[in-house]
Amino acid sequence: MAKGTVTAKLKYLRMSPRRLRLIGDLLKNKSVEKAVALLDNMTKHGARPMKKLLLSAVANAKHNFNMKEDGLKIKQIIVNGGPILYRWMPRAMGRATPIRKHSAHIEITLEGEMPDKK
């Protein structure tokens, strides 16, 4: 059996990449079962979309490459910044201050055993 990798991407998530990197760093080099258990018990708001993306990557591995779920491991999680929406908030004495609404792109790469092609 050969090693194979599977990726899943989530783009334009309206959440700060800095907050999501905290979650992603906890999940690196963990098995899928441990990662899902961690995300279920986490109180951070970014845990829910991260779990959905992880389960999507697992579904990609099972459906597209016939990989076993129990042998999958998180190889890499990349959280990059997406486009920033600039808004303005009125303040005292006719001034305005900027509000930056951040977004993020997340990419999860799983590694596991691929069955041999016959």
PDB file of N, CA and C in Angstrom:
ATOM      1  N   MET A   1       0.831  -1.180   0.000  1.00  0.00           N
ATOM      2  CA  MET A   1       0.000   0.000   0.000  1.00  0.00           C
ATOM      3  C   MET A   1       0.877   1.246   0.000  1.00  0.00           C
ATOM      4  N   ALA A   2       0.462   2.204  -0.787  1.00  0.00           N
ATOM      5  CA  ALA A   2       1.222   3.442  -0.915  1.00  0.00           C
ATOM      6  C   ALA A   2       0.562   4.554  -0.103  1.00  0.00           C
ATOM      7  N   LYS A   3       1.375   5.515   0.296  1.00  0.00           N
ATOM      8  CA  LYS A   3       0.851   6.675   1.009  1.00  0.00           C
ATOM      9  C   LYS A   3       0.237   7.633  -0.003  1.00  0.00           C
ATOM     10  N   GLY A   4      -0.865   8.245   0.391  1.00  0.00           N
ATOM     11  CA  GLY A   4      -1.520   9.217  -0.464  1.00  0.00           C
ATOM     12  C   GLY A   4      -1.999  10.401   0.349  1.00  0.00           C
ATOM     13  N   THR A   5      -2.217  11.514  -0.328  1.00  0.00           N
ATOM     14  CA  THR A   5      -2.702  12.708   0.351  1.00  0.00           C
ATOM     15  C   THR A   5      -4.005  13.170  -0.288  1.00  0.00           C
ATOM     16  N   VAL A   6      -4.840  13.758   0.542  1.00  0.00           N
ATOM     17  CA  VAL A   6      -6.132  14.285   0.120  1.00  0.00           C
ATOM     18  C   VAL A   6      -6.275  15.681   0.709  1.00  0.00           C
ATOM     19  N   THR A   7      -6.819  16.613  -0.066  1.00  0.00           N
ATOM     20  CA  THR A   7      -6.993  17.969   0.439  1.00  0.00           C
ATOM     21  C   THR A   7      -8.452  18.389   0.364  1.00  0.00           C
ATOM     22  N   ALA A   8      -8.807  19.325   1.225  1.00  0.00           N
ATOM     23  CA  ALA A   8     -10.105  19.992   1.188  1.00  0.00           C
ATOM     24  C   ALA A   8      -9.855  21.462   1.515  1.00  0.00           C
ATOM     25  N   LYS A   9     -10.572  22.334   0.821  1.00  0.00           N
ATOM     26  CA  LYS A   9     -10.364  23.773   0.999  1.00  0.00           C
ATOM     27  C   LYS A   9     -11.668  24.457   1.384  1.00  0.00           C
ATOM     28  N   LEU A  10     -11.540  25.441   2.240  1.00  0.00           N
ATOM     29  CA  LEU A  10     -12.649  26.307   2.598  1.00  0.00           C
ATOM     30  C   LEU A  10     -12.178  27.733   2.339  1.00  0.00           C
ATOM     31  N   LYS A  11     -12.884  28.433   1.454  1.00  0.00           N
ATOM     32  CA  LYS A  11     -12.461  29.784   1.085  1.00  0.00           C
ATOM     33  C   LYS A  11     -13.508  30.797   1.529  1.00  0.00           C
ATOM     34  N   TYR A  12     -13.032  31.997   1.793  1.00  0.00           N
ATOM     35  CA  TYR A  12     -13.866  33.148   2.136  1.00  0.00           C
ATOM     36  C   TYR A  12     -14.680  32.937   3.411  1.00  0.00           C
ATOM     37  N   LEU A  13     -14.098  32.282   4.398  1.00  0.00           N
ATOM     38  CA  LEU A  13     -14.764  32.137   5.697  1.00  0.00           C
ATOM     39  C   LEU A  13     -14.671  33.473   6.418  1.00  0.00           C
ATOM     40  N   ARG A  14     -15.804  34.025   6.843  1.00  0.00           N
ATOM     41  CA  ARG A  14     -15.828  35.342   7.473  1.00  0.00           C
ATOM     42  C   ARG A  14     -15.417  35.244   8.943  1.00  0.00           C
ATOM     43  N   MET A  15     -14.136  34.928   9.130  1.00  0.00           N
ATOM     44  CA  MET A  15     -13.572  34.807  10.461  1.00  0.00           C
ATOM     45  C   MET A  15     -12.098  35.172  10.341  1.00  0.00           C
ATOM     46  N   SER A  16     -11.557  35.703  11.379  1.00  0.00           N
ATOM     47  CA  SER A  16     -10.179  36.156  11.344  1.00  0.00           C
ATOM     48  C   SER A  16      -9.218  34.975  11.234  1.00  0.00           C
ATOM     49  N   PRO A  17      -8.225  35.053  10.324  1.00  0.00           N
ATOM     50  CA  PRO A  17      -7.264  33.945  10.198  1.00  0.00           C
ATOM     51  C   PRO A  17      -6.428  33.740  11.456  1.00  0.00           C
ATOM     52  N   ARG A  18      -6.212  34.792  12.209  1.00  0.00           N
ATOM     53  CA  ARG A  18      -5.426  34.684  13.440  1.00  0.00           C
ATOM     54  C   ARG A  18      -6.117  33.767  14.449  1.00  0.00           C
ATOM     55  N   ARG A  19      -7.437  33.876  14.544  1.00  0.00           N
ATOM     56  CA  ARG A  19      -8.192  33.033  15.464  1.00  0.00           C
ATOM     57  C   ARG A  19      -8.215  31.581  14.985  1.00  0.00           C
ATOM     58  N   LEU A  20      -8.294  31.395  13.672  1.00  0.00           N
ATOM     59  CA  LEU A  20      -8.361  30.044  13.124  1.00  0.00           C
ATOM     60  C   LEU A  20      -7.014  29.327  13.208  1.00  0.00           C
ATOM     61  N   ARG A  21      -5.908  30.078  13.145  1.00  0.00           N
ATOM     62  CA  ARG A  21      -4.591  29.451  13.251  1.00  0.00           C
ATOM     63  C   ARG A  21      -4.374  28.815  14.619  1.00  0.00           C
ATOM     64  N   LEU A  22      -4.971  29.394  15.658  1.00  0.00           N
ATOM     65  CA  LEU A  22      -4.867  28.808  16.999  1.00  0.00           C
ATOM     66  C   LEU A  22      -5.454  27.400  17.011  1.00  0.00           C
ATOM     67  N   ILE A  23      -6.582  27.230  16.328  1.00  0.00           N
ATOM     68  CA  ILE A  23      -7.226  25.922  16.269  1.00  0.00           C
ATOM     69  C   ILE A  23      -6.427  24.981  15.380  1.00  0.00           C
ATOM     70  N   GLY A  24      -5.975  25.491  14.229  1.00  0.00           N
ATOM     71  CA  GLY A  24      -5.228  24.667  13.285  1.00  0.00           C
ATOM     72  C   GLY A  24      -3.930  24.135  13.860  1.00  0.00           C
ATOM     73  N   ASP A  25      -3.264  24.936  14.669  1.00  0.00           N
ATOM     74  CA  ASP A  25      -2.001  24.489  15.269  1.00  0.00           C
ATOM     75  C   ASP A  25      -2.215  23.346  16.251  1.00  0.00           C
ATOM     76  N   LEU A  26      -3.380  23.312  16.887  1.00  0.00           N
ATOM     77  CA  LEU A  26      -3.670  22.213  17.816  1.00  0.00           C
ATOM     78  C   LEU A  26      -3.903  20.890  17.086  1.00  0.00           C
ATOM     79  N   LEU A  27      -4.372  20.963  15.848  1.00  0.00           N
ATOM     80  CA  LEU A  27      -4.772  19.760  15.127  1.00  0.00           C
ATOM     81  C   LEU A  27      -3.661  19.124  14.288  1.00  0.00           C
ATOM     82  N   LYS A  28      -2.578  19.837  14.063  1.00  0.00           N
ATOM     83  CA  LYS A  28      -1.509  19.311  13.207  1.00  0.00           C
ATOM     84  C   LYS A  28      -0.941  18.011  13.767  1.00  0.00           C
ATOM     85  N   ASN A  29      -0.679  17.063  12.870  1.00  0.00           N
ATOM     86  CA  ASN A  29      -0.077  15.759  13.181  1.00  0.00           C
ATOM     87  C   ASN A  29      -0.925  14.903  14.115  1.00  0.00           C
ATOM     88  N   LYS A  30      -2.228  15.123  14.143  1.00  0.00           N
ATOM     89  CA  LYS A  30      -3.121  14.292  14.942  1.00  0.00           C
ATOM     90  C   LYS A  30      -3.912  13.372  14.019  1.00  0.00           C
ATOM     91  N   SER A  31      -4.386  12.269  14.559  1.00  0.00           N
ATOM     92  CA  SER A  31      -5.260  11.404  13.782  1.00  0.00           C
ATOM     93  C   SER A  31      -6.626  12.081  13.664  1.00  0.00           C
ATOM     94  N   VAL A  32      -7.409  11.638  12.698  1.00  0.00           N
ATOM     95  CA  VAL A  32      -8.708  12.263  12.451  1.00  0.00           C
ATOM     96  C   VAL A  32      -9.635  12.088  13.653  1.00  0.00           C
ATOM     97  N   GLU A  33      -9.598  10.907  14.289  1.00  0.00           N
ATOM     98  CA  GLU A  33     -10.475  10.663  15.436  1.00  0.00           C
ATOM     99  C   GLU A  33     -10.157  11.626  16.585  1.00  0.00           C
ATOM    100  N   LYS A  34      -8.860  11.812  16.864  1.00  0.00           N
ATOM    101  CA  LYS A  34      -8.471  12.728  17.942  1.00  0.00           C
ATOM    102  C   LYS A  34      -8.850  14.165  17.602  1.00  0.00           C
ATOM    103  N   ALA A  35      -8.664  14.527  16.344  1.00  0.00           N
ATOM    104  CA  ALA A  35      -8.967  15.898  15.924  1.00  0.00           C
ATOM    105  C   ALA A  35     -10.459  16.196  16.036  1.00  0.00           C
ATOM    106  N   VAL A  36     -11.298  15.254  15.636  1.00  0.00           N
ATOM    107  CA  VAL A  36     -12.748  15.455  15.739  1.00  0.00           C
ATOM    108  C   VAL A  36     -13.162  15.550  17.210  1.00  0.00           C
ATOM    109  N   ALA A  37     -12.564  14.726  18.063  1.00  0.00           N
ATOM    110  CA  ALA A  37     -12.866  14.787  19.494  1.00  0.00           C
ATOM    111  C   ALA A  37     -12.445  16.137  20.088  1.00  0.00           C
ATOM    112  N   LEU A  38     -11.281  16.644  19.674  1.00  0.00           N
ATOM    113  CA  LEU A  38     -10.827  17.951  20.147  1.00  0.00           C
ATOM    114  C   LEU A  38     -11.789  19.051  19.704  1.00  0.00           C
ATOM    115  N   LEU A  39     -12.196  19.011  18.436  1.00  0.00           N
ATOM    116  CA  LEU A  39     -13.074  20.049  17.910  1.00  0.00           C
ATOM    117  C   LEU A  39     -14.459  20.006  18.547  1.00  0.00           C
ATOM    118  N   ASP A  40     -14.930  18.802  18.898  1.00  0.00           N
ATOM    119  CA  ASP A  40     -16.230  18.688  19.555  1.00  0.00           C
ATOM    120  C   ASP A  40     -16.230  19.345  20.928  1.00  0.00           C
ATOM    121  N   ASN A  41     -15.111  19.278  21.629  1.00  0.00           N
ATOM    122  CA  ASN A  41     -15.032  19.791  22.996  1.00  0.00           C
ATOM    123  C   ASN A  41     -14.427  21.185  23.088  1.00  0.00           C
ATOM    124  N   MET A  42     -14.181  21.824  21.964  1.00  0.00           N
ATOM    125  CA  MET A  42     -13.567  23.138  21.951  1.00  0.00           C
ATOM    126  C   MET A  42     -14.647  24.216  22.023  1.00  0.00           C
ATOM    127  N   THR A  43     -14.391  25.296  22.736  1.00  0.00           N
ATOM    128  CA  THR A  43     -15.377  26.364  22.887  1.00  0.00           C
ATOM    129  C   THR A  43     -15.184  27.507  21.889  1.00  0.00           C
ATOM    130  N   LYS A  44     -14.167  27.442  21.061  1.00  0.00           N
ATOM    131  CA  LYS A  44     -13.919  28.522  20.107  1.00  0.00           C
ATOM    132  C   LYS A  44     -14.906  28.444  18.944  1.00  0.00           C
ATOM    133  N   HIS A  45     -15.288  29.611  18.420  1.00  0.00           N
ATOM    134  CA  HIS A  45     -16.272  29.659  17.340  1.00  0.00           C
ATOM    135  C   HIS A  45     -15.738  29.070  16.040  1.00  0.00           C
ATOM    136  N   GLY A  46     -14.435  29.103  15.841  1.00  0.00           N
ATOM    137  CA  GLY A  46     -13.858  28.568  14.619  1.00  0.00           C
ATOM    138  C   GLY A  46     -13.818  27.052  14.571  1.00  0.00           C
ATOM    139  N   ALA A  47     -14.139  26.393  15.674  1.00  0.00           N
ATOM    140  CA  ALA A  47     -14.073  24.928  15.713  1.00  0.00           C
ATOM    141  C   ALA A  47     -15.141  24.296  14.831  1.00  0.00           C
ATOM    142  N   ARG A  48     -16.296  24.928  14.726  1.00  0.00           N
ATOM    143  CA  ARG A  48     -17.388  24.337  13.946  1.00  0.00           C
ATOM    144  C   ARG A  48     -17.076  24.296  12.444  1.00  0.00           C
ATOM    145  N   PRO A  49     -16.672  25.410  11.812  1.00  0.00           N
ATOM    146  CA  PRO A  49     -16.320  25.307  10.388  1.00  0.00           C
ATOM    147  C   PRO A  49     -15.076  24.446  10.145  1.00  0.00           C
ATOM    148  N   MET A  50     -14.153  24.429  11.104  1.00  0.00           N
ATOM    149  CA  MET A  50     -12.964  23.592  10.956  1.00  0.00           C
ATOM    150  C   MET A  50     -13.342  22.114  10.983  1.00  0.00           C
ATOM    151  N   LYS A  51     -14.297  21.746  11.830  1.00  0.00           N
ATOM    152  CA  LYS A  51     -14.750  20.358  11.898  1.00  0.00           C
ATOM    153  C   LYS A  51     -15.462  19.962  10.606  1.00  0.00           C
ATOM    154  N   LYS A  52     -16.298  20.863  10.078  1.00  0.00           N
ATOM    155  CA  LYS A  52     -16.991  20.583   8.825  1.00  0.00           C
ATOM    156  C   LYS A  52     -15.992  20.361   7.688  1.00  0.00           C
ATOM    157  N   LEU A  53     -14.935  21.166   7.661  1.00  0.00           N
ATOM    158  CA  LEU A  53     -13.915  21.019   6.619  1.00  0.00           C
ATOM    159  C   LEU A  53     -13.153  19.713   6.800  1.00  0.00           C
ATOM    160  N   LEU A  54     -12.835  19.353   8.021  1.00  0.00           N
ATOM    161  CA  LEU A  54     -12.134  18.101   8.289  1.00  0.00           C
ATOM    162  C   LEU A  54     -12.968  16.903   7.853  1.00  0.00           C
ATOM    163  N   LEU A  55     -14.264  16.921   8.181  1.00  0.00           N
ATOM    164  CA  LEU A  55     -15.135  15.814   7.773  1.00  0.00           C
ATOM    165  C   LEU A  55     -15.315  15.780   6.260  1.00  0.00           C
ATOM    166  N   SER A  56     -15.248  16.939   5.612  1.00  0.00           N
ATOM    167  CA  SER A  56     -15.300  16.985   4.151  1.00  0.00           C
ATOM    168  C   SER A  56     -14.049  16.349   3.547  1.00  0.00           C
ATOM    169  N   ALA A  57     -12.891  16.608   4.150  1.00  0.00           N
ATOM    170  CA  ALA A  57     -11.652  15.996   3.670  1.00  0.00           C
ATOM    171  C   ALA A  57     -11.693  14.483   3.848  1.00  0.00           C
ATOM    172  N   VAL A  58     -12.261  14.027   4.960  1.00  0.00           N
ATOM    173  CA  VAL A  58     -12.391  12.585   5.196  1.00  0.00           C
ATOM    174  C   VAL A  58     -13.325  11.966   4.154  1.00  0.00           C
ATOM    175  N   ALA A  59     -14.422  12.654   3.855  1.00  0.00           N
ATOM    176  CA  ALA A  59     -15.353  12.160   2.845  1.00  0.00           C
ATOM    177  C   ALA A  59     -14.687  12.108   1.465  1.00  0.00           C
ATOM    178  N   ASN A  60     -13.850  13.103   1.158  1.00  0.00           N
ATOM    179  CA  ASN A  60     -13.107  13.084  -0.106  1.00  0.00           C
ATOM    180  C   ASN A  60     -12.188  11.868  -0.175  1.00  0.00           C
ATOM    181  N   ALA A  61     -11.523  11.577   0.937  1.00  0.00           N
ATOM    182  CA  ALA A  61     -10.588  10.445   0.964  1.00  0.00           C
ATOM    183  C   ALA A  61     -11.330   9.123   0.777  1.00  0.00           C
ATOM    184  N   LYS A  62     -12.473   8.984   1.436  1.00  0.00           N
ATOM    185  CA  LYS A  62     -13.222   7.733   1.341  1.00  0.00           C
ATOM    186  C   LYS A  62     -13.853   7.556  -0.034  1.00  0.00           C
ATOM    187  N   HIS A  63     -14.480   8.605  -0.540  1.00  0.00           N
ATOM    188  CA  HIS A  63     -15.224   8.493  -1.785  1.00  0.00           C
ATOM    189  C   HIS A  63     -14.320   8.481  -3.017  1.00  0.00           C
ATOM    190  N   ASN A  64     -13.346   9.373  -3.054  1.00  0.00           N
ATOM    191  CA  ASN A  64     -12.528   9.525  -4.261  1.00  0.00           C
ATOM    192  C   ASN A  64     -11.355   8.558  -4.341  1.00  0.00           C
ATOM    193  N   PHE A  65     -10.814   8.163  -3.174  1.00  0.00           N
ATOM    194  CA  PHE A  65      -9.592   7.355  -3.194  1.00  0.00           C
ATOM    195  C   PHE A  65      -9.720   6.036  -2.441  1.00  0.00           C
ATOM    196  N   ASN A  66     -10.893   5.704  -1.931  1.00  0.00           N
ATOM    197  CA  ASN A  66     -11.149   4.460  -1.203  1.00  0.00           C
ATOM    198  C   ASN A  66     -10.198   4.259  -0.019  1.00  0.00           C
ATOM    199  N   MET A  67      -9.870   5.317   0.675  1.00  0.00           N
ATOM    200  CA  MET A  67      -8.996   5.232   1.846  1.00  0.00           C
ATOM    201  C   MET A  67      -9.824   4.855   3.069  1.00  0.00           C
ATOM    202  N   LYS A  68      -9.191   4.213   4.025  1.00  0.00           N
ATOM    203  CA  LYS A  68      -9.833   3.871   5.284  1.00  0.00           C
ATOM    204  C   LYS A  68      -9.790   5.086   6.220  1.00  0.00           C
ATOM    205  N   GLU A  69     -10.898   5.332   6.907  1.00  0.00           N
ATOM    206  CA  GLU A  69     -10.975   6.506   7.773  1.00  0.00           C
ATOM    207  C   GLU A  69     -10.072   6.386   8.995  1.00  0.00           C
ATOM    208  N   ASP A  70      -9.907   5.173   9.518  1.00  0.00           N
ATOM    209  CA  ASP A  70      -9.139   5.015  10.751  1.00  0.00           C
ATOM    210  C   ASP A  70      -7.641   5.213  10.549  1.00  0.00           C
ATOM    211  N   GLY A  71      -7.146   5.159   9.319  1.00  0.00           N
ATOM    212  CA  GLY A  71      -5.722   5.343   9.083  1.00  0.00           C
ATOM    213  C   GLY A  71      -5.333   6.747   8.662  1.00  0.00           C
ATOM    214  N   LEU A  72      -6.297   7.661   8.627  1.00  0.00           N
ATOM    215  CA  LEU A  72      -6.009   9.014   8.165  1.00  0.00           C
ATOM    216  C   LEU A  72      -5.414   9.873   9.269  1.00  0.00           C
ATOM    217  N   LYS A  73      -4.479  10.715   8.875  1.00  0.00           N
ATOM    218  CA  LYS A  73      -3.788  11.597   9.804  1.00  0.00           C
ATOM    219  C   LYS A  73      -3.709  12.981   9.169  1.00  0.00           C
ATOM    220  N   ILE A  74      -3.809  14.027   9.977  1.00  0.00           N
ATOM    221  CA  ILE A  74      -3.722  15.387   9.456  1.00  0.00           C
ATOM    222  C   ILE A  74      -2.257  15.717   9.216  1.00  0.00           C
ATOM    223  N   LYS A  75      -1.924  15.905   7.963  1.00  0.00           N
ATOM    224  CA  LYS A  75      -0.538  16.195   7.603  1.00  0.00           C
ATOM    225  C   LYS A  75      -0.251  17.692   7.698  1.00  0.00           C
ATOM    226  N   GLN A  76      -1.201  18.507   7.236  1.00  0.00           N
ATOM    227  CA  GLN A  76      -0.938  19.935   7.153  1.00  0.00           C
ATOM    228  C   GLN A  76      -2.253  20.705   7.228  1.00  0.00           C
ATOM    229  N   ILE A  77      -2.242  21.831   7.929  1.00  0.00           N
ATOM    230  CA  ILE A  77      -3.358  22.770   7.926  1.00  0.00           C
ATOM    231  C   ILE A  77      -2.787  24.148   7.640  1.00  0.00           C
ATOM    232  N   ILE A  78      -3.268  24.755   6.570  1.00  0.00           N
ATOM    233  CA  ILE A  78      -2.806  26.084   6.187  1.00  0.00           C
ATOM    234  C   ILE A  78      -3.977  27.043   6.326  1.00  0.00           C
ATOM    235  N   VAL A  79      -3.777  28.118   7.083  1.00  0.00           N
ATOM    236  CA  VAL A  79      -4.790  29.161   7.223  1.00  0.00           C
ATOM    237  C   VAL A  79      -4.192  30.452   6.696  1.00  0.00           C
ATOM    238  N   ASN A  80      -4.725  30.922   5.585  1.00  0.00           N
ATOM    239  CA  ASN A  80      -4.271  32.166   4.976  1.00  0.00           C
ATOM    240  C   ASN A  80      -5.362  33.212   5.075  1.00  0.00           C
ATOM    241  N   GLY A  81      -4.960  34.462   4.977  1.00  0.00           N
ATOM    242  CA  GLY A  81      -5.929  35.545   5.000  1.00  0.00           C
ATOM    243  C   GLY A  81      -6.624  35.686   3.663  1.00  0.00           C
ATOM    244  N   GLY A  82      -7.881  35.996   3.716  1.00  0.00           N
ATOM    245  CA  GLY A  82      -8.654  36.258   2.517  1.00  0.00           C
ATOM    246  C   GLY A  82      -8.822  37.756   2.340  1.00  0.00           C
ATOM    247  N   PRO A  83      -9.754  38.158   1.492  1.00  0.00           N
ATOM    248  CA  PRO A  83      -9.983  39.587   1.304  1.00  0.00           C
ATOM    249  C   PRO A  83     -10.569  40.229   2.562  1.00  0.00           C
ATOM    250  N   ILE A  84     -10.265  41.505   2.733  1.00  0.00           N
ATOM    251  CA  ILE A  84     -10.743  42.255   3.886  1.00  0.00           C
ATOM    252  C   ILE A  84     -11.817  43.230   3.419  1.00  0.00           C
ATOM    253  N   LEU A  85     -12.961  43.221   4.100  1.00  0.00           N
ATOM    254  CA  LEU A  85     -14.010  44.188   3.807  1.00  0.00           C
ATOM    255  C   LEU A  85     -13.769  45.415   4.674  1.00  0.00           C
ATOM    256  N   TYR A  86     -13.683  46.575   4.052  1.00  0.00           N
ATOM    257  CA  TYR A  86     -13.437  47.805   4.790  1.00  0.00           C
ATOM    258  C   TYR A  86     -14.756  48.533   4.986  1.00  0.00           C
ATOM    259  N   ARG A  87     -15.075  48.814   6.244  1.00  0.00           N
ATOM    260  CA  ARG A  87     -16.280  49.539   6.608  1.00  0.00           C
ATOM    261  C   ARG A  87     -15.870  50.717   7.492  1.00  0.00           C
ATOM    262  N   TRP A  88     -16.775  51.660   7.678  1.00  0.00           N
ATOM    263  CA  TRP A  88     -16.466  52.838   8.466  1.00  0.00           C
ATOM    264  C   TRP A  88     -17.507  53.016   9.554  1.00  0.00           C
ATOM    265  N   MET A  89     -17.042  53.429  10.730  1.00  0.00           N
ATOM    266  CA  MET A  89     -17.939  53.685  11.850  1.00  0.00           C
ATOM    267  C   MET A  89     -17.853  55.165  12.224  1.00  0.00           C
ATOM    268  N   PRO A  90     -18.995  55.853  12.275  1.00  0.00           N
ATOM    269  CA  PRO A  90     -18.962  57.264  12.675  1.00  0.00           C
ATOM    270  C   PRO A  90     -18.581  57.416  14.154  1.00  0.00           C
ATOM    271  N   ARG A  91     -17.762  58.409  14.408  1.00  0.00           N
ATOM    272  CA  ARG A  91     -17.316  58.673  15.777  1.00  0.00           C
ATOM    273  C   ARG A  91     -17.578  60.142  16.120  1.00  0.00           C
ATOM    274  N   ALA A  92     -17.075  60.552  17.244  1.00  0.00           N
ATOM    275  CA  ALA A  92     -17.335  61.901  17.737  1.00  0.00           C
ATOM    276  C   ALA A  92     -16.692  62.962  16.842  1.00  0.00           C
ATOM    277  N   MET A  93     -17.288  64.142  16.834  1.00  0.00           N
ATOM    278  CA  MET A  93     -16.790  65.336  16.134  1.00  0.00           C
ATOM    279  C   MET A  93     -16.638  65.103  14.628  1.00  0.00           C
ATOM    280  N   GLY A  94     -17.540  64.336  14.035  1.00  0.00           N
ATOM    281  CA  GLY A  94     -17.550  64.181  12.583  1.00  0.00           C
ATOM    282  C   GLY A  94     -16.470  63.273  12.032  1.00  0.00           C
ATOM    283  N   ARG A  95     -15.785  62.547  12.884  1.00  0.00           N
ATOM    284  CA  ARG A  95     -14.725  61.654  12.404  1.00  0.00           C
ATOM    285  C   ARG A  95     -15.310  60.282  12.089  1.00  0.00           C
ATOM    286  N   ALA A  96     -14.507  59.490  11.428  1.00  0.00           N
ATOM    287  CA  ALA A  96     -14.892  58.102  11.152  1.00  0.00           C
ATOM    288  C   ALA A  96     -13.676  57.224  11.385  1.00  0.00           C
ATOM    289  N   THR A  97     -13.882  56.033  11.940  1.00  0.00           N
ATOM    290  CA  THR A  97     -12.777  55.096  12.144  1.00  0.00           C
ATOM    291  C   THR A  97     -13.036  53.846  11.305  1.00  0.00           C
ATOM    292  N   PRO A  98     -11.978  53.250  10.800  1.00  0.00           N
ATOM    293  CA  PRO A  98     -12.166  52.078   9.935  1.00  0.00           C
ATOM    294  C   PRO A  98     -12.501  50.823  10.737  1.00  0.00           C
ATOM    295  N   ILE A  99     -13.310  49.966  10.130  1.00  0.00           N
ATOM    296  CA  ILE A  99     -13.587  48.634  10.654  1.00  0.00           C
ATOM    297  C   ILE A  99     -13.152  47.667   9.576  1.00  0.00           C
ATOM    298  N   ARG A 100     -12.307  46.717   9.947  1.00  0.00           N
ATOM    299  CA  ARG A 100     -11.821  45.731   8.983  1.00  0.00           C
ATOM    300  C   ARG A 100     -12.463  44.396   9.285  1.00  0.00           C
ATOM    301  N   LYS A 101     -13.230  43.869   8.345  1.00  0.00           N
ATOM    302  CA  LYS A 101     -13.868  42.565   8.515  1.00  0.00           C
ATOM    303  C   LYS A 101     -13.035  41.547   7.751  1.00  0.00           C
ATOM    304  N   HIS A 102     -12.317  40.722   8.483  1.00  0.00           N
ATOM    305  CA  HIS A 102     -11.376  39.783   7.895  1.00  0.00           C
ATOM    306  C   HIS A 102     -12.076  38.523   7.410  1.00  0.00           C
ATOM    307  N   SER A 103     -11.447  37.860   6.453  1.00  0.00           N
ATOM    308  CA  SER A 103     -11.900  36.537   6.010  1.00  0.00           C
ATOM    309  C   SER A 103     -10.670  35.648   5.876  1.00  0.00           C
ATOM    310  N   ALA A 104     -10.911  34.343   5.767  1.00  0.00           N
ATOM    311  CA  ALA A 104      -9.803  33.388   5.768  1.00  0.00           C
ATOM    312  C   ALA A 104     -10.030  32.300   4.741  1.00  0.00           C
ATOM    313  N   HIS A 105      -8.919  31.740   4.269  1.00  0.00           N
ATOM    314  CA  HIS A 105      -8.919  30.555   3.425  1.00  0.00           C
ATOM    315  C   HIS A 105      -8.211  29.453   4.221  1.00  0.00           C
ATOM    316  N   ILE A 106      -8.836  28.276   4.322  1.00  0.00           N
ATOM    317  CA  ILE A 106      -8.263  27.156   5.065  1.00  0.00           C
ATOM    318  C   ILE A 106      -8.069  25.987   4.110  1.00  0.00           C
ATOM    319  N   GLU A 107      -6.944  25.308   4.239  1.00  0.00           N
ATOM    320  CA  GLU A 107      -6.679  24.101   3.453  1.00  0.00           C
ATOM    321  C   GLU A 107      -6.180  23.013   4.387  1.00  0.00           C
ATOM    322  N   ILE A 108      -6.863  21.864   4.376  1.00  0.00           N
ATOM    323  CA  ILE A 108      -6.478  20.724   5.208  1.00  0.00           C
ATOM    324  C   ILE A 108      -5.975  19.618   4.292  1.00  0.00           C
ATOM    325  N   THR A 109      -4.815  19.066   4.618  1.00  0.00           N
ATOM    326  CA  THR A 109      -4.250  17.948   3.875  1.00  0.00           C
ATOM    327  C   THR A 109      -4.176  16.738   4.788  1.00  0.00           C
ATOM    328  N   LEU A 110      -4.798  15.650   4.362  1.00  0.00           N
ATOM    329  CA  LEU A 110      -4.775  14.398   5.112  1.00  0.00           C
ATOM    330  C   LEU A 110      -3.837  13.420   4.429  1.00  0.00           C
ATOM    331  N   GLU A 111      -3.246  12.537   5.228  1.00  0.00           N
ATOM    332  CA  GLU A 111      -2.341  11.529   4.705  1.00  0.00           C
ATOM    333  C   GLU A 111      -2.805  10.174   5.198  1.00  0.00           C
ATOM    334  N   GLY A 112      -2.755   9.196   4.308  1.00  0.00           N
ATOM    335  CA  GLY A 112      -3.183   7.845   4.682  1.00  0.00           C
ATOM    336  C   GLY A 112      -2.756   6.824   3.651  1.00  0.00           C
ATOM    337  N   GLU A 113      -3.117   5.587   3.928  1.00  0.00           N
ATOM    338  CA  GLU A 113      -2.762   4.484   3.041  1.00  0.00           C
ATOM    339  C   GLU A 113      -3.793   4.385   1.912  1.00  0.00           C
ATOM    340  N   MET A 114      -3.278   4.341   0.683  1.00  0.00           N
ATOM    341  CA  MET A 114      -4.141   4.148  -0.474  1.00  0.00           C
ATOM    342  C   MET A 114      -4.116   2.695  -0.885  1.00  0.00           C
ATOM    343  N   PRO A 115      -5.272   2.132  -1.232  1.00  0.00           N
ATOM    344  CA  PRO A 115      -5.266   0.739  -1.706  1.00  0.00           C
ATOM    345  C   PRO A 115      -4.595   0.636  -3.073  1.00  0.00           C
ATOM    346  N   ASP A 116      -3.984  -0.517  -3.315  1.00  0.00           N
ATOM    347  CA  ASP A 116      -3.322  -0.731  -4.602  1.00  0.00           C
ATOM    348  C   ASP A 116      -4.356  -0.857  -5.701  1.00  0.00           C
ATOM    349  N   LYS A 117      -4.040  -0.279  -6.859  1.00  0.00           N
ATOM    350  CA  LYS A 117      -4.948  -0.401  -8.006  1.00  0.00           C
ATOM    351  C   LYS A 117      -4.706  -1.733  -8.694  1.00  0.00           C
ATOM    352  N   LYS A 118      -5.787  -2.381  -9.079  1.00  0.00           N
ATOM    353  CA  LYS A 118      -5.664  -3.685  -9.724  1.00  0.00           C
ATOM    354  C   LYS A 118      -6.092  -3.624 -11.173  1.00  0.00           C
TER     355      LYS A 118
END
